[in-house]
Structure formats: C-alpha cells, structure tokens
Amino acid sequence: ERKCAEARVNADREIASCHGSGMTRVTDSLSGQEGEQSRRLLEDDRTL
C-alpha cells in the first residue's frame, strides 16, 4: 500500500505536468499528421 500510495500520486502529477488540469490537452487542437504524431508522444492518462 505504501508503494501504491506514492506511485498513484506520482503518476497523476506526471499527467498534470505533461497535460495540465484541463479536460482537453493542448495537442488535441492540432490537426492532421502533426496532431496524431504529437498525441502519440503524450502517454494516455489511463496507462499512466
């Protein structure tokens, strides 16, 4: 539980550090191939 307590907050803050606290990411507004490539660079919230 100690490992879990630290890892879950670290993961969530990593998401916040990358994407912010908004409901959408900055790269969601990018279109075409550039947007798709950029989105792949940012790991999915559920995976984190």
ModelCIF file with pLDDT and N, C-alpha, C, O atoms, coordinates in Angstrom:
data_MODEL
#
_entry.id   MODEL 
#
_entity.id                         1 
_entity.type                       polymer 
_entity.pdbx_number_of_molecules   1 
#
_entity_poly.entity_id                      1 
_entity_poly.type                           'polypeptide(L)' 
_entity_poly.nstd_linkage                   no 
_entity_poly.nstd_monomer                   no 
_entity_poly.pdbx_seq_one_letter_code       ERKCAEARVNADREIASCHGSGMTRVTDSLSGQEGEQSRRLLEDDRTL 
_entity_poly.pdbx_seq_one_letter_code_can   ERKCAEARVNADREIASCHGSGMTRVTDSLSGQEGEQSRRLLEDDRTL 
_entity_poly.pdbx_strand_id                 A 
#
loop_
_entity_poly_seq.entity_id 
_entity_poly_seq.num 
_entity_poly_seq.mon_id 
_entity_poly_seq.hetero 
1 1  GLU n 
1 2  ARG n 
1 3  LYS n 
1 4  CYS n 
1 5  ALA n 
1 6  GLU n 
1 7  ALA n 
1 8  ARG n 
1 9  VAL n 
1 10 ASN n 
1 11 ALA n 
1 12 ASP n 
1 13 ARG n 
1 14 GLU n 
1 15 ILE n 
1 16 ALA n 
1 17 SER n 
1 18 CYS n 
1 19 HIS n 
1 20 GLY n 
1 21 SER n 
1 22 GLY n 
1 23 MET n 
1 24 THR n 
1 25 ARG n 
1 26 VAL n 
1 27 THR n 
1 28 ASP n 
1 29 SER n 
1 30 LEU n 
1 31 SER n 
1 32 GLY n 
1 33 GLN n 
1 34 GLU n 
1 35 GLY n 
1 36 GLU n 
1 37 GLN n 
1 38 SER n 
1 39 ARG n 
1 40 ARG n 
1 41 LEU n 
1 42 LEU n 
1 43 GLU n 
1 44 ASP n 
1 45 ASP n 
1 46 ARG n 
1 47 THR n 
1 48 LEU n 
#
_struct_asym.id          A 
_struct_asym.entity_id   1 
#
loop_
_ma_qa_metric.id 
_ma_qa_metric.mode 
_ma_qa_metric.name 
_ma_qa_metric.software_group_id 
_ma_qa_metric.type 
1 global pLDDT . pLDDT 
2 local  pLDDT . pLDDT 
#
_ma_qa_metric_global.metric_id      1 
_ma_qa_metric_global.metric_value   52.81 
_ma_qa_metric_global.model_id       1 
_ma_qa_metric_global.ordinal_id     1 
#
loop_
_ma_qa_metric_local.label_asym_id 
_ma_qa_metric_local.label_comp_id 
_ma_qa_metric_local.label_seq_id 
_ma_qa_metric_local.metric_id 
_ma_qa_metric_local.metric_value 
_ma_qa_metric_local.model_id 
_ma_qa_metric_local.ordinal_id 
A GLU 1  2 91.00 1 1  
A ARG 2  2 90.00 1 2  
A LYS 3  2 89.00 1 3  
A CYS 4  2 90.00 1 4  
A ALA 5  2 88.00 1 5  
A GLU 6  2 87.00 1 6  
A ALA 7  2 86.00 1 7  
A ARG 8  2 86.00 1 8  
A VAL 9  2 82.00 1 9  
A ASN 10 2 81.00 1 10 
A ALA 11 2 80.00 1 11 
A ASP 12 2 78.00 1 12 
A ARG 13 2 70.00 1 13 
A GLU 14 2 69.00 1 14 
A ILE 15 2 64.00 1 15 
A ALA 16 2 57.00 1 16 
A SER 17 2 56.00 1 17 
A CYS 18 2 53.00 1 18 
A HIS 19 2 50.00 1 19 
A GLY 20 2 50.00 1 20 
A SER 21 2 47.00 1 21 
A GLY 22 2 44.00 1 22 
A MET 23 2 36.00 1 23 
A THR 24 2 39.00 1 24 
A ARG 25 2 40.00 1 25 
A VAL 26 2 38.00 1 26 
A THR 27 2 37.00 1 27 
A ASP 28 2 40.00 1 28 
A SER 29 2 38.00 1 29 
A LEU 30 2 36.00 1 30 
A SER 31 2 37.00 1 31 
A GLY 32 2 38.00 1 32 
A GLN 33 2 36.00 1 33 
A GLU 34 2 34.00 1 34 
A GLY 35 2 36.00 1 35 
A GLU 36 2 38.00 1 36 
A GLN 37 2 35.00 1 37 
A SER 38 2 36.00 1 38 
A ARG 39 2 39.00 1 39 
A ARG 40 2 39.00 1 40 
A LEU 41 2 34.00 1 41 
A LEU 42 2 35.00 1 42 
A GLU 43 2 37.00 1 43 
A ASP 44 2 36.00 1 44 
A ASP 45 2 36.00 1 45 
A ARG 46 2 34.00 1 46 
A THR 47 2 32.00 1 47 
A LEU 48 2 31.00 1 48 
#
loop_
_atom_site.group_PDB 
_atom_site.id 
_atom_site.type_symbol 
_atom_site.label_atom_id 
_atom_site.label_alt_id 
_atom_site.label_comp_id 
_atom_site.label_asym_id 
_atom_site.label_entity_id 
_atom_site.label_seq_id 
_atom_site.pdbx_PDB_ins_code 
_atom_site.Cartn_x 
_atom_site.Cartn_y 
_atom_site.Cartn_z 
_atom_site.occupancy 
_atom_site.B_iso_or_equiv 
_atom_site.pdbx_formal_charge 
_atom_site.auth_seq_id 
_atom_site.auth_comp_id 
_atom_site.auth_asym_id 
_atom_site.auth_atom_id 
_atom_site.pdbx_PDB_model_num 
ATOM 1   N N  . GLU A 1 1  ? 0.829   -1.212 0.000   1.00 91.00 ? 1  GLU A N  1 
ATOM 2   C CA . GLU A 1 1  ? 0.000   0.000  0.000   1.00 91.00 ? 1  GLU A CA 1 
ATOM 3   C C  . GLU A 1 1  ? 0.862   1.260  0.000   1.00 91.00 ? 1  GLU A C  1 
ATOM 4   O O  . GLU A 1 1  ? 0.482   2.274  -0.585  1.00 91.00 ? 1  GLU A O  1 
ATOM 5   N N  . ARG A 1 2  ? 2.019   1.197  0.655   1.00 90.00 ? 2  ARG A N  1 
ATOM 6   C CA . ARG A 1 2  ? 2.922   2.350  0.637   1.00 90.00 ? 2  ARG A CA 1 
ATOM 7   C C  . ARG A 1 2  ? 3.423   2.618  -0.775  1.00 90.00 ? 2  ARG A C  1 
ATOM 8   O O  . ARG A 1 2  ? 3.463   3.766  -1.220  1.00 90.00 ? 2  ARG A O  1 
ATOM 9   N N  . LYS A 1 3  ? 3.808   1.547  -1.483  1.00 89.00 ? 3  LYS A N  1 
ATOM 10  C CA . LYS A 1 3  ? 4.249   1.709  -2.871  1.00 89.00 ? 3  LYS A CA 1 
ATOM 11  C C  . LYS A 1 3  ? 3.120   2.275  -3.727  1.00 89.00 ? 3  LYS A C  1 
ATOM 12  O O  . LYS A 1 3  ? 3.335   3.156  -4.560  1.00 89.00 ? 3  LYS A O  1 
ATOM 13  N N  . CYS A 1 4  ? 1.941   1.764  -3.510  1.00 90.00 ? 4  CYS A N  1 
ATOM 14  C CA . CYS A 1 4  ? 0.779   2.217  -4.272  1.00 90.00 ? 4  CYS A CA 1 
ATOM 15  C C  . CYS A 1 4  ? 0.481   3.689  -3.978  1.00 90.00 ? 4  CYS A C  1 
ATOM 16  O O  . CYS A 1 4  ? 0.189   4.459  -4.893  1.00 90.00 ? 4  CYS A O  1 
ATOM 17  N N  . ALA A 1 5  ? 0.555   4.076  -2.711  1.00 88.00 ? 5  ALA A N  1 
ATOM 18  C CA . ALA A 1 5  ? 0.246   5.457  -2.311  1.00 88.00 ? 5  ALA A CA 1 
ATOM 19  C C  . ALA A 1 5  ? 1.151   6.451  -3.011  1.00 88.00 ? 5  ALA A C  1 
ATOM 20  O O  . ALA A 1 5  ? 0.697   7.513  -3.437  1.00 88.00 ? 5  ALA A O  1 
ATOM 21  N N  . GLU A 1 6  ? 2.428   6.117  -3.133  1.00 87.00 ? 6  GLU A N  1 
ATOM 22  C CA . GLU A 1 6  ? 3.370   7.025  -3.790  1.00 87.00 ? 6  GLU A CA 1 
ATOM 23  C C  . GLU A 1 6  ? 3.223   6.982  -5.306  1.00 87.00 ? 6  GLU A C  1 
ATOM 24  O O  . GLU A 1 6  ? 3.214   8.023  -5.962  1.00 87.00 ? 6  GLU A O  1 
ATOM 25  N N  . ALA A 1 7  ? 3.110   5.781  -5.862  1.00 86.00 ? 7  ALA A N  1 
ATOM 26  C CA . ALA A 1 7  ? 3.109   5.649  -7.318  1.00 86.00 ? 7  ALA A CA 1 
ATOM 27  C C  . ALA A 1 7  ? 1.880   6.280  -7.955  1.00 86.00 ? 7  ALA A C  1 
ATOM 28  O O  . ALA A 1 7  ? 1.982   6.900  -9.013  1.00 86.00 ? 7  ALA A O  1 
ATOM 29  N N  . ARG A 1 8  ? 0.717   6.130  -7.321  1.00 86.00 ? 8  ARG A N  1 
ATOM 30  C CA . ARG A 1 8  ? -0.505  6.668  -7.923  1.00 86.00 ? 8  ARG A CA 1 
ATOM 31  C C  . ARG A 1 8  ? -0.473  8.191  -7.967  1.00 86.00 ? 8  ARG A C  1 
ATOM 32  O O  . ARG A 1 8  ? -0.950  8.786  -8.933  1.00 86.00 ? 8  ARG A O  1 
ATOM 33  N N  . VAL A 1 9  ? 0.083   8.838  -6.935  1.00 82.00 ? 9  VAL A N  1 
ATOM 34  C CA . VAL A 1 9  ? 0.176   10.297 -6.938  1.00 82.00 ? 9  VAL A CA 1 
ATOM 35  C C  . VAL A 1 9  ? 1.250   10.758 -7.913  1.00 82.00 ? 9  VAL A C  1 
ATOM 36  O O  . VAL A 1 9  ? 1.063   11.749 -8.619  1.00 82.00 ? 9  VAL A O  1 
ATOM 37  N N  . ASN A 1 10 ? 2.376   10.046 -7.957  1.00 81.00 ? 10 ASN A N  1 
ATOM 38  C CA . ASN A 1 10 ? 3.417   10.374 -8.925  1.00 81.00 ? 10 ASN A CA 1 
ATOM 39  C C  . ASN A 1 10 ? 2.883   10.304 -10.349 1.00 81.00 ? 10 ASN A C  1 
ATOM 40  O O  . ASN A 1 10 ? 3.165   11.180 -11.167 1.00 81.00 ? 10 ASN A O  1 
ATOM 41  N N  . ALA A 1 11 ? 2.107   9.254  -10.645 1.00 80.00 ? 11 ALA A N  1 
ATOM 42  C CA . ALA A 1 11 ? 1.543   9.099  -11.982 1.00 80.00 ? 11 ALA A CA 1 
ATOM 43  C C  . ALA A 1 11 ? 0.589   10.237 -12.312 1.00 80.00 ? 11 ALA A C  1 
ATOM 44  O O  . ALA A 1 11 ? 0.622   10.785 -13.414 1.00 80.00 ? 11 ALA A O  1 
ATOM 45  N N  . ASP A 1 12 ? -0.256  10.586 -11.357 1.00 78.00 ? 12 ASP A N  1 
ATOM 46  C CA . ASP A 1 12 ? -1.220  11.656 -11.589 1.00 78.00 ? 12 ASP A CA 1 
ATOM 47  C C  . ASP A 1 12 ? -0.537  13.000 -11.780 1.00 78.00 ? 12 ASP A C  1 
ATOM 48  O O  . ASP A 1 12 ? -0.954  13.791 -12.625 1.00 78.00 ? 12 ASP A O  1 
ATOM 49  N N  . ARG A 1 13 ? 0.513   13.269 -11.002 1.00 70.00 ? 13 ARG A N  1 
ATOM 50  C CA . ARG A 1 13 ? 1.232   14.537 -11.146 1.00 70.00 ? 13 ARG A CA 1 
ATOM 51  C C  . ARG A 1 13 ? 2.034   14.569 -12.441 1.00 70.00 ? 13 ARG A C  1 
ATOM 52  O O  . ARG A 1 13 ? 2.244   15.630 -13.028 1.00 70.00 ? 13 ARG A O  1 
ATOM 53  N N  . GLU A 1 14 ? 2.481   13.389 -12.879 1.00 69.00 ? 14 GLU A N  1 
ATOM 54  C CA . GLU A 1 14 ? 3.158   13.325 -14.176 1.00 69.00 ? 14 GLU A CA 1 
ATOM 55  C C  . GLU A 1 14 ? 2.187   13.710 -15.291 1.00 69.00 ? 14 GLU A C  1 
ATOM 56  O O  . GLU A 1 14 ? 2.558   14.412 -16.232 1.00 69.00 ? 14 GLU A O  1 
ATOM 57  N N  . ILE A 1 15 ? 0.960   13.252 -15.181 1.00 64.00 ? 15 ILE A N  1 
ATOM 58  C CA . ILE A 1 15 ? -0.065  13.628 -16.152 1.00 64.00 ? 15 ILE A CA 1 
ATOM 59  C C  . ILE A 1 15 ? -0.290  15.126 -16.113 1.00 64.00 ? 15 ILE A C  1 
ATOM 60  O O  . ILE A 1 15 ? -0.344  15.791 -17.147 1.00 64.00 ? 15 ILE A O  1 
ATOM 61  N N  . ALA A 1 16 ? -0.420  15.649 -14.890 1.00 57.00 ? 16 ALA A N  1 
ATOM 62  C CA . ALA A 1 16 ? -0.654  17.084 -14.745 1.00 57.00 ? 16 ALA A CA 1 
ATOM 63  C C  . ALA A 1 16 ? 0.508   17.890 -15.308 1.00 57.00 ? 16 ALA A C  1 
ATOM 64  O O  . ALA A 1 16 ? 0.315   18.931 -15.936 1.00 57.00 ? 16 ALA A O  1 
ATOM 65  N N  . SER A 1 17 ? 1.714   17.391 -15.073 1.00 56.00 ? 17 SER A N  1 
ATOM 66  C CA . SER A 1 17 ? 2.895   18.102 -15.549 1.00 56.00 ? 17 SER A CA 1 
ATOM 67  C C  . SER A 1 17 ? 2.949   18.122 -17.073 1.00 56.00 ? 17 SER A C  1 
ATOM 68  O O  . SER A 1 17 ? 3.431   19.085 -17.670 1.00 56.00 ? 17 SER A O  1 
ATOM 69  N N  . CYS A 1 18 ? 2.454   17.058 -17.700 1.00 53.00 ? 18 CYS A N  1 
ATOM 70  C CA . CYS A 1 18 ? 2.504   16.982 -19.153 1.00 53.00 ? 18 CYS A CA 1 
ATOM 71  C C  . CYS A 1 18 ? 1.316   17.669 -19.811 1.00 53.00 ? 18 CYS A C  1 
ATOM 72  O O  . CYS A 1 18 ? 1.473   18.372 -20.809 1.00 53.00 ? 18 CYS A O  1 
ATOM 73  N N  . HIS A 1 19 ? 0.128   17.465 -19.250 1.00 50.00 ? 19 HIS A N  1 
ATOM 74  C CA . HIS A 1 19 ? -1.082  17.881 -19.946 1.00 50.00 ? 19 HIS A CA 1 
ATOM 75  C C  . HIS A 1 19 ? -1.811  19.041 -19.303 1.00 50.00 ? 19 HIS A C  1 
ATOM 76  O O  . HIS A 1 19 ? -2.605  19.718 -19.956 1.00 50.00 ? 19 HIS A O  1 
ATOM 77  N N  . GLY A 1 20 ? -1.550  19.274 -18.039 1.00 50.00 ? 20 GLY A N  1 
ATOM 78  C CA . GLY A 1 20 ? -2.321  20.307 -17.354 1.00 50.00 ? 20 GLY A CA 1 
ATOM 79  C C  . GLY A 1 20 ? -3.562  19.739 -16.732 1.00 50.00 ? 20 GLY A C  1 
ATOM 80  O O  . GLY A 1 20 ? -3.790  18.529 -16.748 1.00 50.00 ? 20 GLY A O  1 
ATOM 81  N N  . SER A 1 21 ? -4.368  20.627 -16.179 1.00 47.00 ? 21 SER A N  1 
ATOM 82  C CA . SER A 1 21 ? -5.530  20.234 -15.418 1.00 47.00 ? 21 SER A CA 1 
ATOM 83  C C  . SER A 1 21 ? -6.810  20.384 -16.197 1.00 47.00 ? 21 SER A C  1 
ATOM 84  O O  . SER A 1 21 ? -7.892  20.115 -15.675 1.00 47.00 ? 21 SER A O  1 
ATOM 85  N N  . GLY A 1 22 ? -6.705  20.811 -17.445 1.00 44.00 ? 22 GLY A N  1 
ATOM 86  C CA . GLY A 1 22 ? -7.897  20.982 -18.256 1.00 44.00 ? 22 GLY A CA 1 
ATOM 87  C C  . GLY A 1 22 ? -8.436  19.646 -18.727 1.00 44.00 ? 22 GLY A C  1 
ATOM 88  O O  . GLY A 1 22 ? -7.750  18.628 -18.635 1.00 44.00 ? 22 GLY A O  1 
ATOM 89  N N  . MET A 1 23 ? -9.687  19.643 -19.241 1.00 36.00 ? 23 MET A N  1 
ATOM 90  C CA . MET A 1 23 ? -10.301 18.412 -19.694 1.00 36.00 ? 23 MET A CA 1 
ATOM 91  C C  . MET A 1 23 ? -9.738  17.948 -21.035 1.00 36.00 ? 23 MET A C  1 
ATOM 92  O O  . MET A 1 23 ? -9.871  16.774 -21.383 1.00 36.00 ? 23 MET A O  1 
ATOM 93  N N  . THR A 1 24 ? -9.107  18.857 -21.797 1.00 39.00 ? 24 THR A N  1 
ATOM 94  C CA . THR A 1 24 ? -8.520  18.503 -23.081 1.00 39.00 ? 24 THR A CA 1 
ATOM 95  C C  . THR A 1 24 ? -7.055  18.875 -23.087 1.00 39.00 ? 24 THR A C  1 
ATOM 96  O O  . THR A 1 24 ? -6.649  19.780 -22.358 1.00 39.00 ? 24 THR A O  1 
ATOM 97  N N  . ARG A 1 25 ? -6.267  18.214 -23.876 1.00 40.00 ? 25 ARG A N  1 
ATOM 98  C CA . ARG A 1 25 ? -4.857  18.515 -23.978 1.00 40.00 ? 25 ARG A CA 1 
ATOM 99  C C  . ARG A 1 25 ? -4.628  19.549 -25.059 1.00 40.00 ? 25 ARG A C  1 
ATOM 100 O O  . ARG A 1 25 ? -5.446  19.722 -25.963 1.00 40.00 ? 25 ARG A O  1 
ATOM 101 N N  . VAL A 1 26 ? -3.503  20.232 -24.950 1.00 38.00 ? 26 VAL A N  1 
ATOM 102 C CA . VAL A 1 26 ? -3.154  21.215 -25.969 1.00 38.00 ? 26 VAL A CA 1 
ATOM 103 C C  . VAL A 1 26 ? -3.091  20.568 -27.337 1.00 38.00 ? 26 VAL A C  1 
ATOM 104 O O  . VAL A 1 26 ? -3.574  21.139 -28.314 1.00 38.00 ? 26 VAL A O  1 
ATOM 105 N N  . THR A 1 27 ? -2.505  19.388 -27.421 1.00 37.00 ? 27 THR A N  1 
ATOM 106 C CA . THR A 1 27 ? -2.314  18.754 -28.715 1.00 37.00 ? 27 THR A CA 1 
ATOM 107 C C  . THR A 1 27 ? -3.601  18.264 -29.328 1.00 37.00 ? 27 THR A C  1 
ATOM 108 O O  . THR A 1 27 ? -3.615  17.907 -30.506 1.00 37.00 ? 27 THR A O  1 
ATOM 109 N N  . ASP A 1 28 ? -4.698  18.233 -28.567 1.00 40.00 ? 28 ASP A N  1 
ATOM 110 C CA . ASP A 1 28 ? -5.975  17.842 -29.143 1.00 40.00 ? 28 ASP A CA 1 
ATOM 111 C C  . ASP A 1 28 ? -6.436  18.835 -30.201 1.00 40.00 ? 28 ASP A C  1 
ATOM 112 O O  . ASP A 1 28 ? -7.239  18.493 -31.069 1.00 40.00 ? 28 ASP A O  1 
ATOM 113 N N  . SER A 1 29 ? -5.928  20.070 -30.132 1.00 38.00 ? 29 SER A N  1 
ATOM 114 C CA . SER A 1 29 ? -6.340  21.097 -31.084 1.00 38.00 ? 29 SER A CA 1 
ATOM 115 C C  . SER A 1 29 ? -5.533  21.034 -32.379 1.00 38.00 ? 29 SER A C  1 
ATOM 116 O O  . SER A 1 29 ? -5.874  21.704 -33.354 1.00 38.00 ? 29 SER A O  1 
ATOM 117 N N  . LEU A 1 30 ? -4.449  20.224 -32.396 1.00 36.00 ? 30 LEU A N  1 
ATOM 118 C CA . LEU A 1 30 ? -3.650  20.105 -33.600 1.00 36.00 ? 30 LEU A CA 1 
ATOM 119 C C  . LEU A 1 30 ? -4.298  19.109 -34.542 1.00 36.00 ? 30 LEU A C  1 
ATOM 120 O O  . LEU A 1 30 ? -4.871  18.114 -34.097 1.00 36.00 ? 30 LEU A O  1 
ATOM 121 N N  . SER A 1 31 ? -4.215  19.362 -35.817 1.00 37.00 ? 31 SER A N  1 
ATOM 122 C CA . SER A 1 31 ? -4.916  18.530 -36.792 1.00 37.00 ? 31 SER A CA 1 
ATOM 123 C C  . SER A 1 31 ? -3.920  17.770 -37.659 1.00 37.00 ? 31 SER A C  1 
ATOM 124 O O  . SER A 1 31 ? -2.724  18.060 -37.661 1.00 37.00 ? 31 SER A O  1 
ATOM 125 N N  . GLY A 1 32 ? -4.443  16.783 -38.399 1.00 38.00 ? 32 GLY A N  1 
ATOM 126 C CA . GLY A 1 32 ? -3.641  16.085 -39.374 1.00 38.00 ? 32 GLY A CA 1 
ATOM 127 C C  . GLY A 1 32 ? -2.569  15.212 -38.770 1.00 38.00 ? 32 GLY A C  1 
ATOM 128 O O  . GLY A 1 32 ? -2.655  14.791 -37.617 1.00 38.00 ? 32 GLY A O  1 
ATOM 129 N N  . GLN A 1 33 ? -1.526  14.942 -39.599 1.00 36.00 ? 33 GLN A N  1 
ATOM 130 C CA . GLN A 1 33 ? -0.451  14.041 -39.181 1.00 36.00 ? 33 GLN A CA 1 
ATOM 131 C C  . GLN A 1 33 ? 0.317   14.578 -37.987 1.00 36.00 ? 33 GLN A C  1 
ATOM 132 O O  . GLN A 1 33 ? 0.724   13.810 -37.115 1.00 36.00 ? 33 GLN A O  1 
ATOM 133 N N  . GLU A 1 34 ? 0.526   15.922 -37.938 1.00 34.00 ? 34 GLU A N  1 
ATOM 134 C CA . GLU A 1 34 ? 1.267   16.531 -36.832 1.00 34.00 ? 34 GLU A CA 1 
ATOM 135 C C  . GLU A 1 34 ? 0.554   16.284 -35.505 1.00 34.00 ? 34 GLU A C  1 
ATOM 136 O O  . GLU A 1 34 ? 1.185   15.955 -34.500 1.00 34.00 ? 34 GLU A O  1 
ATOM 137 N N  . GLY A 1 35 ? -0.779  16.449 -35.516 1.00 36.00 ? 35 GLY A N  1 
ATOM 138 C CA . GLY A 1 35 ? -1.542  16.235 -34.299 1.00 36.00 ? 35 GLY A CA 1 
ATOM 139 C C  . GLY A 1 35 ? -1.495  14.795 -33.845 1.00 36.00 ? 35 GLY A C  1 
ATOM 140 O O  . GLY A 1 35 ? -1.371  14.516 -32.652 1.00 36.00 ? 35 GLY A O  1 
ATOM 141 N N  . GLU A 1 36 ? -1.598  13.852 -34.818 1.00 38.00 ? 36 GLU A N  1 
ATOM 142 C CA . GLU A 1 36 ? -1.562  12.444 -34.465 1.00 38.00 ? 36 GLU A CA 1 
ATOM 143 C C  . GLU A 1 36 ? -0.210  12.046 -33.900 1.00 38.00 ? 36 GLU A C  1 
ATOM 144 O O  . GLU A 1 36 ? -0.136  11.307 -32.918 1.00 38.00 ? 36 GLU A O  1 
ATOM 145 N N  . GLN A 1 37 ? 0.855   12.531 -34.515 1.00 35.00 ? 37 GLN A N  1 
ATOM 146 C CA . GLN A 1 37 ? 2.196   12.224 -34.013 1.00 35.00 ? 37 GLN A CA 1 
ATOM 147 C C  . GLN A 1 37 ? 2.411   12.815 -32.625 1.00 35.00 ? 37 GLN A C  1 
ATOM 148 O O  . GLN A 1 37 ? 3.016   12.182 -31.759 1.00 35.00 ? 37 GLN A O  1 
ATOM 149 N N  . SER A 1 38 ? 1.907   14.045 -32.416 1.00 36.00 ? 38 SER A N  1 
ATOM 150 C CA . SER A 1 38 ? 2.086   14.706 -31.127 1.00 36.00 ? 38 SER A CA 1 
ATOM 151 C C  . SER A 1 38 ? 1.327   13.981 -30.037 1.00 36.00 ? 38 SER A C  1 
ATOM 152 O O  . SER A 1 38 ? 1.808   13.840 -28.912 1.00 36.00 ? 38 SER A O  1 
ATOM 153 N N  . ARG A 1 39 ? 0.135   13.523 -30.382 1.00 39.00 ? 39 ARG A N  1 
ATOM 154 C CA . ARG A 1 39 ? -0.660  12.836 -29.367 1.00 39.00 ? 39 ARG A CA 1 
ATOM 155 C C  . ARG A 1 39 ? 0.002   11.525 -28.942 1.00 39.00 ? 39 ARG A C  1 
ATOM 156 O O  . ARG A 1 39 ? -0.117  11.106 -27.790 1.00 39.00 ? 39 ARG A O  1 
ATOM 157 N N  . ARG A 1 40 ? 0.698   10.883 -29.879 1.00 39.00 ? 40 ARG A N  1 
ATOM 158 C CA . ARG A 1 40 ? 1.388   9.643  -29.521 1.00 39.00 ? 40 ARG A CA 1 
ATOM 159 C C  . ARG A 1 40 ? 2.543   9.891  -28.563 1.00 39.00 ? 40 ARG A C  1 
ATOM 160 O O  . ARG A 1 40 ? 2.960   8.993  -27.830 1.00 39.00 ? 40 ARG A O  1 
ATOM 161 N N  . LEU A 1 41 ? 3.062   11.131 -28.575 1.00 34.00 ? 41 LEU A N  1 
ATOM 162 C CA . LEU A 1 41 ? 4.168   11.464 -27.681 1.00 34.00 ? 41 LEU A CA 1 
ATOM 163 C C  . LEU A 1 41 ? 3.709   11.579 -26.234 1.00 34.00 ? 41 LEU A C  1 
ATOM 164 O O  . LEU A 1 41 ? 4.491   11.382 -25.303 1.00 34.00 ? 41 LEU A O  1 
ATOM 165 N N  . LEU A 1 42 ? 2.426   11.902 -26.056 1.00 35.00 ? 42 LEU A N  1 
ATOM 166 C CA . LEU A 1 42 ? 1.895   12.091 -24.712 1.00 35.00 ? 42 LEU A CA 1 
ATOM 167 C C  . LEU A 1 42 ? 1.151   10.834 -24.304 1.00 35.00 ? 42 LEU A C  1 
ATOM 168 O O  . LEU A 1 42 ? 0.141   10.486 -24.915 1.00 35.00 ? 42 LEU A O  1 
ATOM 169 N N  . GLU A 1 43 ? 1.630   10.158 -23.295 1.00 37.00 ? 43 GLU A N  1 
ATOM 170 C CA . GLU A 1 43 ? 1.053   8.877  -22.900 1.00 37.00 ? 43 GLU A CA 1 
ATOM 171 C C  . GLU A 1 43 ? -0.377  9.039  -22.419 1.00 37.00 ? 43 GLU A C  1 
ATOM 172 O O  . GLU A 1 43 ? -0.740  10.055 -21.826 1.00 37.00 ? 43 GLU A O  1 
ATOM 173 N N  . ASP A 1 44 ? -1.179  8.023  -22.684 1.00 36.00 ? 44 ASP A N  1 
ATOM 174 C CA . ASP A 1 44 ? -2.584  8.068  -22.319 1.00 36.00 ? 44 ASP A CA 1 
ATOM 175 C C  . ASP A 1 44 ? -2.761  8.082  -20.811 1.00 36.00 ? 44 ASP A C  1 
ATOM 176 O O  . ASP A 1 44 ? -2.044  7.387  -20.091 1.00 36.00 ? 44 ASP A O  1 
ATOM 177 N N  . ASP A 1 45 ? -3.737  8.890  -20.319 1.00 36.00 ? 45 ASP A N  1 
ATOM 178 C CA . ASP A 1 45 ? -3.974  9.024  -18.878 1.00 36.00 ? 45 ASP A CA 1 
ATOM 179 C C  . ASP A 1 45 ? -4.231  7.671  -18.216 1.00 36.00 ? 45 ASP A C  1 
ATOM 180 O O  . ASP A 1 45 ? -3.734  7.399  -17.124 1.00 36.00 ? 45 ASP A O  1 
ATOM 181 N N  . ARG A 1 46 ? -5.003  6.840  -18.882 1.00 34.00 ? 46 ARG A N  1 
ATOM 182 C CA . ARG A 1 46 ? -5.354  5.563  -18.259 1.00 34.00 ? 46 ARG A CA 1 
ATOM 183 C C  . ARG A 1 46 ? -4.133  4.668  -18.107 1.00 34.00 ? 46 ARG A C  1 
ATOM 184 O O  . ARG A 1 46 ? -4.012  3.937  -17.124 1.00 34.00 ? 46 ARG A O  1 
ATOM 185 N N  . THR A 1 47 ? -3.221  4.726  -19.086 1.00 32.00 ? 47 THR A N  1 
ATOM 186 C CA . THR A 1 47 ? -1.994  3.944  -18.987 1.00 32.00 ? 47 THR A CA 1 
ATOM 187 C C  . THR A 1 47 ? -1.150  4.402  -17.826 1.00 32.00 ? 47 THR A C  1 
ATOM 188 O O  . THR A 1 47 ? -0.609  3.587  -17.078 1.00 32.00 ? 47 THR A O  1 
ATOM 189 N N  . LEU A 1 48 ? -1.034  5.736  -17.669 1.00 31.00 ? 48 LEU A N  1 
ATOM 190 C CA . LEU A 1 48 ? -0.250  6.284  -16.570 1.00 31.00 ? 48 LEU A CA 1 
ATOM 191 C C  . LEU A 1 48 ? -0.850  5.899  -15.229 1.00 31.00 ? 48 LEU A C  1 
ATOM 192 O O  . LEU A 1 48 ? -0.319  6.275  -14.184 1.00 31.00 ? 48 LEU A O  1 
#
